[in-house]
C-alpha atoms as a PDB file:
ATOM      1  CA  MET A   1      83.162 -29.092 -21.346  1.00  0.00           C
ATOM      2  CA  ALA A   2      80.875 -28.914 -24.376  1.00  0.00           C
ATOM      3  CA  ILE A   3      77.263 -30.036 -24.040  1.00  0.00           C
ATOM      4  CA  ARG A   4      76.638 -33.171 -26.097  1.00  0.00           C
ATOM      5  CA  VAL A   5      73.497 -32.542 -28.130  1.00  0.00           C
ATOM      6  CA  MET A   6      71.266 -34.646 -30.345  1.00  0.00           C
ATOM      7  CA  VAL A   7      68.717 -32.945 -32.620  1.00  0.00           C
ATOM      8  CA  VAL A   8      65.514 -34.676 -33.733  1.00  0.00           C
ATOM      9  CA  ASP A   9      63.384 -33.131 -36.486  1.00  0.00           C
ATOM     10  CA  ASP A  10      61.828 -34.651 -39.594  1.00  0.00           C
ATOM     11  CA  GLU A  11      62.276 -31.392 -41.534  1.00  0.00           C
ATOM     12  CA  GLN A  12      65.814 -31.186 -42.890  1.00  0.00           C
ATOM     13  CA  LEU A  13      65.963 -27.395 -43.167  1.00  0.00           C
ATOM     14  CA  ALA A  14      64.680 -26.907 -39.612  1.00  0.00           C
ATOM     15  CA  ARG A  15      67.126 -29.487 -38.316  1.00  0.00           C
ATOM     16  CA  GLU A  16      70.093 -27.944 -40.121  1.00  0.00           C
ATOM     17  CA  GLU A  17      69.148 -24.439 -38.978  1.00  0.00           C
ATOM     18  CA  LEU A  18      68.957 -25.532 -35.347  1.00  0.00           C
ATOM     19  CA  CYS A  19      72.282 -27.377 -35.616  1.00  0.00           C
ATOM     20  CA  PHE A  20      73.883 -24.282 -37.139  1.00  0.00           C
ATOM     21  CA  LEU A  21      72.642 -22.031 -34.338  1.00  0.00           C
ATOM     22  CA  LEU A  22      73.753 -24.535 -31.715  1.00  0.00           C
ATOM     23  CA  GLY A  23      77.175 -24.706 -33.318  1.00  0.00           C
ATOM     24  CA  GLU A  24      77.459 -20.935 -33.298  1.00  0.00           C
ATOM     25  CA  THR A  25      77.235 -20.887 -29.508  1.00  0.00           C
ATOM     26  CA  GLY A  26      80.665 -22.509 -29.277  1.00  0.00           C
ATOM     27  CA  SER A  27      79.652 -24.586 -26.267  1.00  0.00           C
ATOM     28  CA  VAL A  28      77.896 -27.483 -27.960  1.00  0.00           C
ATOM     29  CA  GLU A  29      78.989 -30.712 -29.599  1.00  0.00           C
ATOM     30  CA  ILE A  30      76.325 -32.096 -31.914  1.00  0.00           C
ATOM     31  CA  VAL A  31      76.724 -35.838 -31.585  1.00  0.00           C
ATOM     32  CA  GLY A  32      73.797 -36.883 -33.758  1.00  0.00           C
ATOM     33  CA  GLN A  33      70.803 -35.917 -35.872  1.00  0.00           C
ATOM     34  CA  ALA A  34      67.668 -38.023 -36.206  1.00  0.00           C
ATOM     35  CA  THR A  35      64.893 -37.614 -38.748  1.00  0.00           C
ATOM     36  CA  ASP A  36      62.140 -39.467 -36.874  1.00  0.00           C
ATOM     37  CA  GLY A  37      61.225 -40.883 -33.494  1.00  0.00           C
ATOM     38  CA  VAL A  38      62.345 -44.440 -34.134  1.00  0.00           C
ATOM     39  CA  GLU A  39      65.790 -43.301 -35.262  1.00  0.00           C
ATOM     40  CA  ALA A  40      65.932 -40.934 -32.288  1.00  0.00           C
ATOM     41  CA  MET A  41      65.346 -43.786 -29.842  1.00  0.00           C
ATOM     42  CA  ARG A  42      68.118 -45.885 -31.359  1.00  0.00           C
ATOM     43  CA  MET A  43      70.633 -43.035 -31.561  1.00  0.00           C
ATOM     44  CA  ALA A  44      69.917 -41.746 -28.063  1.00  0.00           C
ATOM     45  CA  GLY A  45      70.534 -45.182 -26.616  1.00  0.00           C
ATOM     46  CA  GLU A  46      73.833 -45.486 -28.451  1.00  0.00           C
ATOM     47  CA  LEU A  47      75.148 -41.920 -28.141  1.00  0.00           C
ATOM     48  CA  ARG A  48      73.875 -41.067 -24.623  1.00  0.00           C
ATOM     49  CA  PRO A  49      73.704 -37.302 -25.307  1.00  0.00           C
ATOM     50  CA  ASP A  50      73.461 -34.736 -22.518  1.00  0.00           C
ATOM     51  CA  VAL A  51      70.395 -33.158 -24.101  1.00  0.00           C
ATOM     52  CA  VAL A  52      67.947 -34.052 -26.854  1.00  0.00           C
ATOM     53  CA  PHE A  53      66.206 -31.298 -28.827  1.00  0.00           C
ATOM     54  CA  LEU A  54      62.893 -32.874 -29.851  1.00  0.00           C
ATOM     55  CA  ASP A  55      60.547 -31.549 -32.503  1.00  0.00           C
ATOM     56  CA  VAL A  56      57.003 -31.938 -31.190  1.00  0.00           C
ATOM     57  CA  GLN A  57      55.164 -32.635 -34.448  1.00  0.00           C
ATOM     58  CA  MET A  58      56.674 -35.534 -36.353  1.00  0.00           C
ATOM     59  CA  PRO A  59      55.122 -38.384 -38.356  1.00  0.00           C
ATOM     60  CA  GLY A  60      55.031 -41.712 -36.574  1.00  0.00           C
ATOM     61  CA  LEU A  61      56.238 -41.032 -33.040  1.00  0.00           C
ATOM     62  CA  THR A  62      55.646 -37.487 -31.823  1.00  0.00           C
ATOM     63  CA  GLY A  63      58.196 -35.664 -29.696  1.00  0.00           C
ATOM     64  CA  PHE A  64      56.086 -36.438 -26.615  1.00  0.00           C
ATOM     65  CA  GLU A  65      56.047 -40.153 -27.407  1.00  0.00           C
ATOM     66  CA  VAL A  66      59.810 -40.187 -27.959  1.00  0.00           C
ATOM     67  CA  ALA A  67      60.316 -38.362 -24.652  1.00  0.00           C
ATOM     68  CA  ARG A  68      58.139 -40.889 -22.815  1.00  0.00           C
ATOM     69  CA  ARG A  69      60.083 -43.818 -24.262  1.00  0.00           C
ATOM     70  CA  LEU A  70      63.436 -42.236 -23.464  1.00  0.00           C
ATOM     71  CA  ILE A  71      62.329 -41.879 -19.847  1.00  0.00           C
ATOM     72  CA  GLU A  72      61.083 -45.469 -19.728  1.00  0.00           C
ATOM     73  CA  ALA A  73      64.434 -46.619 -21.191  1.00  0.00           C
ATOM     74  CA  ASP A  74      66.340 -44.657 -18.514  1.00  0.00           C
ATOM     75  CA  VAL A  75      68.232 -42.594 -21.075  1.00  0.00           C
ATOM     76  CA  PRO A  76      69.679 -39.831 -18.819  1.00  0.00           C
ATOM     77  CA  ALA A  77      69.274 -36.949 -21.257  1.00  0.00           C
ATOM     78  CA  GLN A  78      67.740 -33.560 -20.654  1.00  0.00           C
ATOM     79  CA  LEU A  79      64.773 -32.915 -22.968  1.00  0.00           C
ATOM     80  CA  VAL A  80      64.082 -29.694 -24.825  1.00  0.00           C
ATOM     81  CA  PHE A  81      60.986 -29.539 -27.001  1.00  0.00           C
ATOM     82  CA  VAL A  82      61.074 -27.641 -30.274  1.00  0.00           C
ATOM     83  CA  THR A  83      57.599 -26.403 -31.132  1.00  0.00           C
ATOM     84  CA  ALA A  84      55.586 -24.131 -33.365  1.00  0.00           C
ATOM     85  CA  PHE A  85      52.757 -24.017 -30.797  1.00  0.00           C
ATOM     86  CA  ASP A  86      51.435 -20.611 -29.890  1.00  0.00           C
ATOM     87  CA  GLN A  87      52.216 -18.932 -26.580  1.00  0.00           C
ATOM     88  CA  TYR A  88      49.437 -20.298 -24.385  1.00  0.00           C
ATOM     89  CA  ALA A  89      50.499 -23.860 -25.198  1.00  0.00           C
ATOM     90  CA  VAL A  90      54.159 -23.015 -24.689  1.00  0.00           C
ATOM     91  CA  ASP A  91      53.307 -21.853 -21.158  1.00  0.00           C
ATOM     92  CA  ALA A  92      52.516 -25.449 -20.266  1.00  0.00           C
ATOM     93  CA  PHE A  93      56.125 -26.411 -20.866  1.00  0.00           C
ATOM     94  CA  THR A  94      57.587 -23.709 -18.646  1.00  0.00           C
ATOM     95  CA  VAL A  95      55.137 -24.331 -15.803  1.00  0.00           C
ATOM     96  CA  ASN A  96      56.159 -27.985 -15.757  1.00  0.00           C
ATOM     97  CA  ALA A  97      59.899 -27.184 -15.816  1.00  0.00           C
ATOM     98  CA  VAL A  98      60.384 -28.500 -19.366  1.00  0.00           C
ATOM     99  CA  ASP A  99      62.257 -26.077 -21.563  1.00  0.00           C
ATOM    100  CA  TYR A 100      61.345 -25.356 -25.157  1.00  0.00           C
ATOM    101  CA  VAL A 101      62.579 -23.630 -28.283  1.00  0.00           C
ATOM    102  CA  LEU A 102      59.898 -21.873 -30.292  1.00  0.00           C
ATOM    103  CA  LYS A 103      60.069 -22.042 -34.082  1.00  0.00           C
ATOM    104  CA  PRO A 104      61.492 -20.105 -35.851  1.00  0.00           C
ATOM    105  CA  VAL A 105      64.448 -20.520 -33.502  1.00  0.00           C
ATOM    106  CA  ASP A 106      65.873 -17.334 -32.000  1.00  0.00           C
ATOM    107  CA  ALA A 107      69.593 -17.360 -31.168  1.00  0.00           C
ATOM    108  CA  ASP A 108      69.220 -15.399 -27.915  1.00  0.00           C
ATOM    109  CA  ARG A 109      66.384 -17.631 -26.682  1.00  0.00           C
ATOM    110  CA  LEU A 110      68.443 -20.682 -27.606  1.00  0.00           C
ATOM    111  CA  GLU A 111      71.318 -19.452 -25.429  1.00  0.00           C
ATOM    112  CA  GLN A 112      68.906 -19.094 -22.516  1.00  0.00           C
ATOM    113  CA  THR A 113      67.826 -22.687 -23.071  1.00  0.00           C
ATOM    114  CA  LEU A 114      71.421 -23.900 -23.064  1.00  0.00           C
ATOM    115  CA  GLU A 115      72.123 -22.015 -19.852  1.00  0.00           C
ATOM    116  CA  ARG A 116      69.151 -23.718 -18.249  1.00  0.00           C
ATOM    117  CA  VAL A 117      70.445 -27.075 -19.472  1.00  0.00           C
ATOM    118  CA  ARG A 118      73.877 -26.342 -17.978  1.00  0.00           C
ATOM    119  CA  ARG A 119      72.301 -25.649 -14.603  1.00  0.00           C
ATOM    120  CA  ARG A 120      70.281 -28.833 -14.726  1.00  0.00           C
ATOM    121  CA  LEU A 121      73.299 -30.882 -15.746  1.00  0.00           C
ATOM    122  CA  ALA A 122      75.215 -29.405 -12.831  1.00  0.00           C
ATOM    123  CA  SER A 123      72.478 -30.534 -10.465  1.00  0.00           C
ATOM    124  CA  GLU A 124      72.956 -34.044  -9.153  1.00  0.00           C
ATOM    125  CA  GLN A 125      69.211 -34.524  -8.953  1.00  0.00           C
ATOM    126  CA  ALA A 126      68.661 -33.380 -12.536  1.00  0.00           C
ATOM    127  CA  THR A 127      71.397 -35.689 -13.763  1.00  0.00           C
ATOM    128  CA  ARG A 128      69.756 -38.591 -12.002  1.00  0.00           C
ATOM    129  CA  MET A 129      66.230 -37.840 -13.227  1.00  0.00           C
ATOM    130  CA  PRO A 130      65.999 -35.293 -16.070  1.00  0.00           C
ATOM    131  CA  LEU A 131      62.214 -35.530 -16.250  1.00  0.00           C
ATOM    132  CA  SER A 132      59.891 -37.966 -14.558  1.00  0.00           C
ATOM    133  CA  ALA A 133      57.197 -39.841 -16.435  1.00  0.00           C
ATOM    134  CA  ALA A 134      54.595 -38.180 -14.205  1.00  0.00           C
ATOM    135  CA  ASP A 135      55.954 -34.737 -15.087  1.00  0.00           C
ATOM    136  CA  LEU A 136      55.831 -35.595 -18.763  1.00  0.00           C
ATOM    137  CA  GLU A 137      52.256 -36.819 -18.480  1.00  0.00           C
ATOM    138  CA  ARG A 138      51.264 -33.476 -16.955  1.00  0.00           C
ATOM    139  CA  VAL A 139      52.936 -31.661 -19.831  1.00  0.00           C
ATOM    140  CA  VAL A 140      51.224 -33.849 -22.407  1.00  0.00           C
ATOM    141  CA  GLU A 141      47.819 -33.392 -20.792  1.00  0.00           C
ATOM    142  CA  ALA A 142      48.218 -29.629 -20.500  1.00  0.00           C
ATOM    143  CA  VAL A 143      49.360 -29.214 -24.081  1.00  0.00           C
ATOM    144  CA  GLN A 144      46.951 -31.698 -25.611  1.00  0.00           C
ATOM    145  CA  ALA A 145      44.074 -29.934 -23.876  1.00  0.00           C
ATOM    146  CA  ARG A 146      44.869 -26.884 -25.995  1.00  0.00           C
ATOM    147  CA  GLN A 147      47.210 -28.427 -28.544  1.00  0.00           C
ATOM    148  CA  GLY A 148      47.255 -26.750 -31.873  1.00  0.00           C
ATOM    149  CA  ARG A 149      44.218 -24.560 -31.200  1.00  0.00           C
ATOM    150  CA  ARG A 150      44.460 -21.418 -33.255  1.00  0.00           C
ATOM    151  CA  ASP A 151      43.089 -17.977 -32.454  1.00  0.00           C
ATOM    152  CA  GLN A 152      43.329 -17.281 -36.188  1.00  0.00           C
ATOM    153  CA  LEU A 153      42.943 -19.296 -39.375  1.00  0.00           C
ATOM    154  CA  ALA A 154      44.313 -18.547 -42.828  1.00  0.00           C
ATOM    155  CA  ILE A 155      41.749 -18.791 -45.623  1.00  0.00           C
ATOM    156  CA  ARG A 156      42.738 -18.636 -49.273  1.00  0.00           C
ATOM    157  CA  VAL A 157      40.543 -16.180 -51.164  1.00  0.00           C
ATOM    158  CA  GLY A 158      41.581 -15.972 -54.800  1.00  0.00           C
ATOM    159  CA  GLU A 159      45.336 -15.360 -54.868  1.00  0.00           C
ATOM    160  CA  ARG A 160      45.623 -14.073 -51.304  1.00  0.00           C
ATOM    161  CA  PHE A 161      45.345 -15.413 -47.789  1.00  0.00           C
ATOM    162  CA  VAL A 162      42.983 -13.777 -45.303  1.00  0.00           C
ATOM    163  CA  LEU A 163      43.409 -14.222 -41.551  1.00  0.00           C
ATOM    164  CA  VAL A 164      40.152 -14.646 -39.634  1.00  0.00           C
ATOM    165  CA  GLN A 165      39.454 -15.196 -35.963  1.00  0.00           C
ATOM    166  CA  ALA A 166      38.596 -18.836 -35.351  1.00  0.00           C
ATOM    167  CA  ASP A 167      35.359 -17.988 -33.550  1.00  0.00           C
ATOM    168  CA  GLU A 168      34.223 -16.002 -36.614  1.00  0.00           C
ATOM    169  CA  VAL A 169      33.977 -19.194 -38.654  1.00  0.00           C
ATOM    170  CA  VAL A 170      30.315 -19.988 -39.259  1.00  0.00           C
ATOM    171  CA  HIS A 171      30.803 -23.347 -40.930  1.00  0.00           C
ATOM    172  CA  ALA A 172      33.268 -25.400 -42.949  1.00  0.00           C
ATOM    173  CA  SER A 173      32.387 -27.998 -45.557  1.00  0.00           C
ATOM    174  CA  MET A 174      34.201 -30.546 -47.692  1.00  0.00           C
ATOM    175  CA  VAL A 175      33.407 -29.754 -51.338  1.00  0.00           C
ATOM    176  CA  ASP A 176      35.151 -31.603 -54.176  1.00  0.00           C
ATOM    177  CA  ASP A 177      38.155 -32.551 -52.030  1.00  0.00           C
ATOM    178  CA  ALA A 178      38.573 -28.969 -50.781  1.00  0.00           C
ATOM    179  CA  ILE A 179      37.548 -27.508 -47.434  1.00  0.00           C
ATOM    180  CA  ILE A 180      35.455 -24.368 -47.821  1.00  0.00           C
ATOM    181  CA  VAL A 181      35.492 -22.113 -44.759  1.00  0.00           C
ATOM    182  CA  VAL A 182      32.758 -19.490 -44.419  1.00  0.00           C
ATOM    183  CA  THR A 183      32.543 -16.459 -42.127  1.00  0.00           C
ATOM    184  CA  ASN A 184      30.164 -13.499 -42.205  1.00  0.00           C
ATOM    185  CA  THR A 185      32.598 -11.564 -44.383  1.00  0.00           C
ATOM    186  CA  VAL A 186      34.654 -14.027 -46.438  1.00  0.00           C
ATOM    187  CA  SER A 187      34.521 -17.478 -47.963  1.00  0.00           C
ATOM    188  CA  GLY A 188      37.604 -19.361 -49.062  1.00  0.00           C
ATOM    189  CA  THR A 189      39.532 -22.604 -48.977  1.00  0.00           C
ATOM    190  CA  SER A 190      41.572 -23.961 -46.089  1.00  0.00           C
ATOM    191  CA  ASN A 191      45.021 -25.519 -46.360  1.00  0.00           C
ATOM    192  CA  TYR A 192      43.936 -28.368 -44.103  1.00  0.00           C
ATOM    193  CA  ARG A 193      43.477 -31.584 -46.036  1.00  0.00           C
ATOM    194  CA  THR A 194      40.599 -33.002 -44.009  1.00  0.00           C
ATOM    195  CA  LEU A 195      37.836 -31.751 -41.752  1.00  0.00           C
ATOM    196  CA  ASP A 196      39.340 -33.884 -38.985  1.00  0.00           C
ATOM    197  CA  GLU A 197      42.553 -31.833 -39.153  1.00  0.00           C
ATOM    198  CA  LEU A 198      40.652 -28.545 -39.122  1.00  0.00           C
ATOM    199  CA  GLN A 199      38.386 -29.678 -36.284  1.00  0.00           C
ATOM    200  CA  ALA A 200      41.420 -30.600 -34.178  1.00  0.00           C
ATOM    201  CA  ARG A 201      42.545 -26.955 -34.354  1.00  0.00           C
ATOM    202  CA  LEU A 202      39.235 -25.555 -33.143  1.00  0.00           C
ATOM    203  CA  ASP A 203      37.409 -25.419 -29.822  1.00  0.00           C
ATOM    204  CA  PRO A 204      35.387 -28.662 -29.566  1.00  0.00           C
ATOM    205  CA  SER A 205      32.858 -27.039 -27.257  1.00  0.00           C
ATOM    206  CA  ILE A 206      31.521 -24.820 -30.053  1.00  0.00           C
ATOM    207  CA  PHE A 207      32.598 -26.511 -33.296  1.00  0.00           C
ATOM    208  CA  TRP A 208      30.558 -29.640 -33.946  1.00  0.00           C
ATOM    209  CA  ARG A 209      30.928 -32.190 -36.731  1.00  0.00           C
ATOM    210  CA  VAL A 210      27.204 -32.461 -37.492  1.00  0.00           C
ATOM    211  CA  HIS A 211      27.805 -34.370 -40.712  1.00  0.00           C
ATOM    212  CA  ARG A 212      30.788 -36.140 -42.225  1.00  0.00           C
ATOM    213  CA  SER A 213      31.089 -33.286 -44.723  1.00  0.00           C
ATOM    214  CA  HIS A 214      30.159 -30.372 -42.464  1.00  0.00           C
ATOM    215  CA  LEU A 215      31.575 -28.676 -39.368  1.00  0.00           C
ATOM    216  CA  VAL A 216      29.516 -25.913 -37.751  1.00  0.00           C
ATOM    217  CA  ASN A 217      29.907 -23.256 -35.109  1.00  0.00           C
ATOM    218  CA  ILE A 218      26.911 -23.943 -32.877  1.00  0.00           C
ATOM    219  CA  THR A 219      26.869 -20.323 -31.706  1.00  0.00           C
ATOM    220  CA  ARG A 220      26.230 -19.281 -35.325  1.00  0.00           C
ATOM    221  CA  ILE A 221      23.069 -21.274 -35.944  1.00  0.00           C
ATOM    222  CA  LYS A 222      20.228 -19.019 -37.067  1.00  0.00           C
ATOM    223  CA  GLU A 223      17.406 -21.520 -37.371  1.00  0.00           C
ATOM    224  CA  ILE A 224      16.762 -25.248 -36.996  1.00  0.00           C
ATOM    225  CA  VAL A 225      14.538 -26.621 -39.744  1.00  0.00           C
ATOM    226  CA  PRO A 226      12.808 -30.014 -39.295  1.00  0.00           C
ATOM    227  CA  TRP A 227      13.726 -32.417 -42.063  1.00  0.00           C
ATOM    228  CA  PHE A 228      12.710 -35.938 -43.036  1.00  0.00           C
ATOM    229  CA  SER A 229      12.974 -38.893 -40.619  1.00  0.00           C
ATOM    230  CA  ARG A 230      13.049 -36.526 -37.620  1.00  0.00           C
ATOM    231  CA  ASN A 231      16.371 -35.073 -38.709  1.00  0.00           C
ATOM    232  CA  TYR A 232      17.203 -31.388 -39.072  1.00  0.00           C
ATOM    233  CA  LEU A 233      18.731 -28.792 -41.318  1.00  0.00           C
ATOM    234  CA  LEU A 234      20.722 -26.009 -39.682  1.00  0.00           C
ATOM    235  CA  LYS A 235      20.266 -22.607 -41.255  1.00  0.00           C
ATOM    236  CA  MET A 236      23.496 -20.776 -40.513  1.00  0.00           C
ATOM    237  CA  LYS A 237      24.203 -17.076 -39.860  1.00  0.00           C
ATOM    238  CA  ASP A 238      26.282 -16.511 -42.989  1.00  0.00           C
ATOM    239  CA  PRO A 239      25.194 -14.129 -45.799  1.00  0.00           C
ATOM    240  CA  LYS A 240      23.673 -17.005 -47.817  1.00  0.00           C
ATOM    241  CA  ALA A 241      21.889 -18.524 -44.797  1.00  0.00           C
ATOM    242  CA  THR A 242      23.420 -21.832 -45.800  1.00  0.00           C
ATOM    243  CA  GLU A 243      21.486 -24.937 -44.805  1.00  0.00           C
ATOM    244  CA  ILE A 244      23.623 -27.698 -43.304  1.00  0.00           C
ATOM    245  CA  PRO A 245      22.211 -31.230 -42.869  1.00  0.00           C
ATOM    246  CA  VAL A 246      22.582 -32.967 -39.535  1.00  0.00           C
ATOM    247  CA  SER A 247      23.434 -36.654 -39.777  1.00  0.00           C
ATOM    248  CA  ARG A 248      21.295 -39.207 -37.985  1.00  0.00           C
ATOM    249  CA  SER A 249      24.116 -39.986 -35.542  1.00  0.00           C
ATOM    250  CA  GLN A 250      24.405 -36.315 -34.525  1.00  0.00           C
ATOM    251  CA  THR A 251      20.696 -35.551 -34.349  1.00  0.00           C
ATOM    252  CA  ARG A 252      20.325 -36.933 -30.833  1.00  0.00           C
ATOM    253  CA  ARG A 253      23.284 -34.926 -29.574  1.00  0.00           C
ATOM    254  CA  LEU A 254      21.794 -31.775 -31.082  1.00  0.00           C
ATOM    255  CA  ARG A 255      18.385 -32.450 -29.540  1.00  0.00           C
ATOM    256  CA  GLU A 256      19.923 -32.969 -26.098  1.00  0.00           C
ATOM    257  CA  TYR A 257      22.036 -29.833 -26.366  1.00  0.00           C
ATOM    258  CA  LEU A 258      19.168 -27.628 -27.555  1.00  0.00           C
ATOM    259  CA  GLN A 259      16.518 -29.476 -25.496  1.00  0.00           C
ATOM    260  CA  LEU A 260      14.361 -30.067 -28.546  1.00  0.00           C
END
């Protein structure tokens, strides 16, 4: 009997590619495609698929939020996350017995996923409870703890992109609606639209938002210069020894951290 599958992804090309690969296996019936989380909830309730392939990053409801709501609604579908997360985040899925498909989708890996789904469907216990809310919470916590962190960042320098190690970034600043990222060797623009987005991809223990327009690597501070009203300027360890202002709201945090 064919596995009844629903695919959820806001990107049409990614969704069509996954549906094509699933169809090529010859053991799958694609009963529905959803473009967002709200549509996915409605369709899953109506179609009652055996398995839902959920993109993790979607506008509105994320794949995790959709999964949580499906569980709360007692929709008895197996859940497979589709993700572009790097390997250390993917490990969180496997440890918690939640399968995944890594983008770009590989046909052989997809067949392994389907085989795992078949085994779970054949299990009476899995059919009764595909994934508990507690299990999902553990997955969410494990992934969110490291979600989206990047060992490398792409910086546009002229007409080319340069890959740099994240911990090599000295500071990043918003300048004329563009984010300028500076290391000891290169300076260029980031594809991230806001400093909030960039900060979310970096280790919060070493990258501090010291000003609404500036993000700094606190391990790359060369000198702390007293400024007016008991505030500070941070002289950074980049070739220009750039001075970054510390906002009043962040001054106390900096003093406590550095015991000033």
